[in-house]
Amino acid sequence: MGNQQSFHYEPVEGEELSTAVVTAVAEAHDEDVIEQKWLISEDINTDALDGLFQDHQLKMTLQFEADTTTVTIIADEMGYPVIKVESHR
């Protein structure tokens, strides 16, 4: 098995959560967002993902496997999502 690396990404204000996940996975793999081969829509319902964490009063964690990574999204102390990507490449 290859090296496992961990990467954290905090979406910028107004950035859709699905876009932030795609960006985080690309950065974790040192790939260009546009040129990466993984398409989030093949694994995740992006509309449902974008609807999560909108009520910043919720404290939740979401974890899923995608593109040889484990993606974990955790609400910070203010309820905003922080994305952790563990690359398994």
N, C-alpha and C. Protein backbone atom coordinates (compact mmCIF):
# COMPACT_ATOMS: atom_id res chain seq x y z
N MET A 1 0.84 -1.18 0.00
CA MET A 1 0.00 0.00 0.00
C MET A 1 0.89 1.24 0.00
N GLY A 2 0.46 2.30 -0.69
CA GLY A 2 1.25 3.52 -0.79
C GLY A 2 1.24 4.32 0.49
N ASN A 3 1.88 5.45 0.42
CA ASN A 3 1.91 6.34 1.58
C ASN A 3 0.53 6.94 1.81
N GLN A 4 0.16 7.03 3.07
CA GLN A 4 -1.11 7.66 3.42
C GLN A 4 -0.79 9.06 3.91
N GLN A 5 -1.42 10.06 3.29
CA GLN A 5 -1.20 11.44 3.67
C GLN A 5 -2.52 12.09 4.02
N SER A 6 -2.48 13.01 4.97
CA SER A 6 -3.68 13.70 5.42
C SER A 6 -3.61 15.16 4.98
N PHE A 7 -4.73 15.71 4.55
CA PHE A 7 -4.80 17.07 4.05
C PHE A 7 -6.07 17.72 4.58
N HIS A 8 -5.99 18.96 5.04
CA HIS A 8 -7.16 19.70 5.54
C HIS A 8 -7.49 20.85 4.60
N TYR A 9 -8.78 21.08 4.43
CA TYR A 9 -9.24 22.15 3.55
C TYR A 9 -10.46 22.80 4.19
N GLU A 10 -10.47 24.12 4.26
CA GLU A 10 -11.62 24.86 4.76
C GLU A 10 -12.23 25.63 3.60
N PRO A 11 -13.49 25.35 3.26
CA PRO A 11 -14.14 26.06 2.16
C PRO A 11 -14.16 27.56 2.41
N VAL A 12 -13.99 28.32 1.35
CA VAL A 12 -14.08 29.77 1.46
C VAL A 12 -15.56 30.15 1.50
N GLU A 13 -15.87 31.31 2.02
CA GLU A 13 -17.26 31.73 2.15
C GLU A 13 -17.94 31.73 0.78
N GLY A 14 -19.11 31.10 0.73
CA GLY A 14 -19.88 31.04 -0.50
C GLY A 14 -19.54 29.86 -1.40
N GLU A 15 -18.47 29.13 -1.10
CA GLU A 15 -18.07 27.97 -1.91
C GLU A 15 -19.00 26.80 -1.60
N GLU A 16 -19.57 26.20 -2.64
CA GLU A 16 -20.41 25.02 -2.46
C GLU A 16 -19.57 23.90 -1.84
N LEU A 17 -20.17 23.12 -0.97
CA LEU A 17 -19.45 22.04 -0.30
C LEU A 17 -18.93 21.02 -1.31
N SER A 18 -19.71 20.71 -2.34
CA SER A 18 -19.26 19.75 -3.35
C SER A 18 -18.03 20.27 -4.09
N THR A 19 -18.00 21.56 -4.38
CA THR A 19 -16.84 22.17 -5.04
C THR A 19 -15.63 22.11 -4.12
N ALA A 20 -15.85 22.37 -2.84
CA ALA A 20 -14.75 22.31 -1.88
C ALA A 20 -14.18 20.90 -1.76
N VAL A 21 -15.05 19.88 -1.79
CA VAL A 21 -14.57 18.50 -1.72
C VAL A 21 -13.73 18.17 -2.95
N VAL A 22 -14.19 18.55 -4.12
CA VAL A 22 -13.43 18.29 -5.36
C VAL A 22 -12.07 18.98 -5.28
N THR A 23 -12.05 20.21 -4.81
CA THR A 23 -10.80 20.95 -4.68
C THR A 23 -9.88 20.29 -3.67
N ALA A 24 -10.42 19.88 -2.54
CA ALA A 24 -9.62 19.24 -1.49
C ALA A 24 -9.00 17.93 -1.98
N VAL A 25 -9.79 17.11 -2.68
CA VAL A 25 -9.27 15.84 -3.19
C VAL A 25 -8.17 16.10 -4.22
N ALA A 26 -8.38 17.05 -5.11
CA ALA A 26 -7.37 17.39 -6.11
C ALA A 26 -6.08 17.87 -5.45
N GLU A 27 -6.20 18.76 -4.48
CA GLU A 27 -5.01 19.27 -3.79
C GLU A 27 -4.31 18.18 -3.00
N ALA A 28 -5.07 17.29 -2.41
CA ALA A 28 -4.46 16.19 -1.65
C ALA A 28 -3.65 15.27 -2.56
N HIS A 29 -4.08 15.16 -3.82
CA HIS A 29 -3.37 14.32 -4.79
C HIS A 29 -2.40 15.12 -5.64
N ASP A 30 -2.22 16.40 -5.32
CA ASP A 30 -1.34 17.29 -6.07
C ASP A 30 -1.73 17.29 -7.55
N GLU A 31 -3.03 17.41 -7.80
CA GLU A 31 -3.57 17.43 -9.15
C GLU A 31 -4.32 18.74 -9.39
N ASP A 32 -4.44 19.11 -10.65
CA ASP A 32 -5.24 20.25 -11.04
C ASP A 32 -6.72 19.86 -10.94
N VAL A 33 -7.54 20.74 -10.41
CA VAL A 33 -8.96 20.44 -10.22
C VAL A 33 -9.62 20.07 -11.55
N ILE A 34 -9.33 20.80 -12.59
CA ILE A 34 -9.94 20.57 -13.90
C ILE A 34 -9.42 19.29 -14.56
N GLU A 35 -8.15 18.97 -14.34
CA GLU A 35 -7.54 17.83 -15.02
C GLU A 35 -7.67 16.50 -14.28
N GLN A 36 -8.14 16.52 -13.03
CA GLN A 36 -8.26 15.25 -12.31
C GLN A 36 -9.33 14.38 -12.96
N LYS A 37 -9.14 13.08 -12.90
CA LYS A 37 -10.03 12.14 -13.57
C LYS A 37 -11.29 11.83 -12.76
N TRP A 38 -11.26 12.04 -11.44
CA TRP A 38 -12.39 11.71 -10.58
C TRP A 38 -13.50 12.73 -10.78
N LEU A 39 -14.71 12.24 -10.98
CA LEU A 39 -15.89 13.09 -11.07
C LEU A 39 -16.75 12.83 -9.84
N ILE A 40 -16.95 13.84 -9.03
CA ILE A 40 -17.69 13.67 -7.78
C ILE A 40 -19.09 13.13 -8.02
N SER A 41 -19.70 13.53 -9.11
CA SER A 41 -21.09 13.12 -9.38
C SER A 41 -21.23 11.61 -9.62
N GLU A 42 -20.13 10.91 -9.87
CA GLU A 42 -20.19 9.46 -10.03
C GLU A 42 -20.30 8.75 -8.68
N ASP A 43 -19.93 9.42 -7.59
CA ASP A 43 -19.92 8.81 -6.25
C ASP A 43 -20.88 9.46 -5.27
N ILE A 44 -21.17 10.74 -5.45
CA ILE A 44 -21.88 11.52 -4.44
C ILE A 44 -23.02 12.31 -5.10
N ASN A 45 -24.14 12.40 -4.42
CA ASN A 45 -25.23 13.28 -4.84
C ASN A 45 -24.81 14.69 -4.42
N THR A 46 -24.37 15.50 -5.38
CA THR A 46 -23.82 16.82 -5.04
C THR A 46 -24.87 17.77 -4.46
N ASP A 47 -26.13 17.67 -4.92
CA ASP A 47 -27.18 18.53 -4.36
C ASP A 47 -27.39 18.23 -2.88
N ALA A 48 -27.41 16.95 -2.53
CA ALA A 48 -27.58 16.56 -1.13
C ALA A 48 -26.37 17.02 -0.30
N LEU A 49 -25.17 16.84 -0.85
CA LEU A 49 -23.96 17.26 -0.13
C LEU A 49 -23.97 18.76 0.10
N ASP A 50 -24.34 19.53 -0.93
CA ASP A 50 -24.36 20.99 -0.78
C ASP A 50 -25.38 21.45 0.25
N GLY A 51 -26.44 20.65 0.48
CA GLY A 51 -27.46 21.01 1.46
C GLY A 51 -27.04 20.78 2.90
N LEU A 52 -26.01 19.96 3.09
CA LEU A 52 -25.54 19.68 4.45
C LEU A 52 -24.75 20.86 5.00
N PHE A 53 -24.69 20.97 6.29
CA PHE A 53 -23.91 21.98 7.00
C PHE A 53 -24.41 23.40 6.75
N GLN A 54 -25.59 23.57 6.14
CA GLN A 54 -26.11 24.93 5.91
C GLN A 54 -26.63 25.55 7.20
N ASP A 55 -27.20 24.73 8.07
CA ASP A 55 -27.65 25.22 9.37
C ASP A 55 -26.45 25.11 10.29
N HIS A 56 -25.75 26.21 10.46
CA HIS A 56 -24.47 26.18 11.18
C HIS A 56 -24.60 25.87 12.66
N GLN A 57 -25.82 25.59 13.12
CA GLN A 57 -26.00 25.19 14.51
C GLN A 57 -25.79 23.69 14.69
N LEU A 58 -25.74 22.96 13.59
CA LEU A 58 -25.59 21.51 13.67
C LEU A 58 -24.14 21.12 13.89
N LYS A 59 -23.95 20.12 14.71
CA LYS A 59 -22.63 19.53 14.90
C LYS A 59 -22.70 18.14 14.31
N MET A 60 -22.08 17.94 13.17
CA MET A 60 -22.16 16.65 12.52
C MET A 60 -20.84 16.30 11.86
N THR A 61 -20.72 15.02 11.52
CA THR A 61 -19.57 14.51 10.79
C THR A 61 -20.09 13.63 9.66
N LEU A 62 -19.50 13.78 8.49
CA LEU A 62 -19.83 12.96 7.34
C LEU A 62 -18.52 12.37 6.82
N GLN A 63 -18.52 11.07 6.54
CA GLN A 63 -17.32 10.41 6.02
C GLN A 63 -17.71 9.52 4.86
N PHE A 64 -16.89 9.56 3.79
CA PHE A 64 -17.12 8.68 2.65
C PHE A 64 -15.80 8.42 1.94
N GLU A 65 -15.79 7.35 1.13
CA GLU A 65 -14.62 6.96 0.34
C GLU A 65 -14.83 7.45 -1.09
N ALA A 66 -13.80 8.05 -1.68
CA ALA A 66 -13.87 8.52 -3.05
C ALA A 66 -12.46 8.72 -3.60
N ASP A 67 -12.24 8.27 -4.83
CA ASP A 67 -10.98 8.49 -5.54
C ASP A 67 -9.76 8.15 -4.69
N THR A 68 -9.71 6.95 -4.19
CA THR A 68 -8.62 6.44 -3.34
C THR A 68 -8.34 7.36 -2.15
N THR A 69 -9.42 7.95 -1.61
CA THR A 69 -9.29 8.78 -0.42
C THR A 69 -10.41 8.45 0.56
N THR A 70 -10.19 8.84 1.80
CA THR A 70 -11.26 8.91 2.79
C THR A 70 -11.49 10.38 3.05
N VAL A 71 -12.70 10.84 2.77
CA VAL A 71 -13.06 12.24 2.98
C VAL A 71 -13.91 12.33 4.24
N THR A 72 -13.50 13.18 5.17
CA THR A 72 -14.25 13.41 6.39
C THR A 72 -14.56 14.89 6.47
N ILE A 73 -15.84 15.20 6.65
CA ILE A 73 -16.26 16.59 6.79
C ILE A 73 -16.82 16.74 8.20
N ILE A 74 -16.24 17.68 8.94
CA ILE A 74 -16.61 17.90 10.34
C ILE A 74 -16.99 19.36 10.51
N ALA A 75 -18.06 19.62 11.26
CA ALA A 75 -18.42 20.99 11.58
C ALA A 75 -17.46 21.53 12.64
N ASP A 76 -16.90 22.72 12.40
CA ASP A 76 -16.01 23.32 13.39
C ASP A 76 -16.84 23.91 14.53
N GLU A 77 -16.21 24.63 15.45
CA GLU A 77 -16.92 25.15 16.62
C GLU A 77 -18.02 26.15 16.26
N MET A 78 -17.95 26.73 15.06
CA MET A 78 -18.98 27.66 14.59
C MET A 78 -20.00 26.96 13.68
N GLY A 79 -19.81 25.66 13.43
CA GLY A 79 -20.73 24.91 12.59
C GLY A 79 -20.37 24.91 11.12
N TYR A 80 -19.22 25.49 10.76
CA TYR A 80 -18.78 25.52 9.37
C TYR A 80 -17.99 24.25 9.05
N PRO A 81 -18.12 23.74 7.81
CA PRO A 81 -17.45 22.48 7.48
C PRO A 81 -15.95 22.63 7.29
N VAL A 82 -15.22 21.65 7.80
CA VAL A 82 -13.78 21.51 7.57
C VAL A 82 -13.60 20.14 6.94
N ILE A 83 -12.86 20.10 5.85
CA ILE A 83 -12.70 18.86 5.10
C ILE A 83 -11.32 18.28 5.36
N LYS A 84 -11.29 17.00 5.73
CA LYS A 84 -10.04 16.27 5.91
C LYS A 84 -10.01 15.18 4.86
N VAL A 85 -8.95 15.12 4.08
CA VAL A 85 -8.80 14.10 3.06
C VAL A 85 -7.59 13.26 3.40
N GLU A 86 -7.78 11.95 3.50
CA GLU A 86 -6.68 11.02 3.68
C GLU A 86 -6.48 10.31 2.35
N SER A 87 -5.36 10.60 1.71
CA SER A 87 -5.06 9.99 0.42
C SER A 87 -4.44 8.61 0.65
N HIS A 88 -4.92 7.63 -0.11
CA HIS A 88 -4.41 6.28 0.01
C HIS A 88 -3.57 5.89 -1.21
N ARG A 89 -3.07 6.86 -1.93
CA ARG A 89 -2.24 6.59 -3.10
C ARG A 89 -0.81 6.36 -2.69
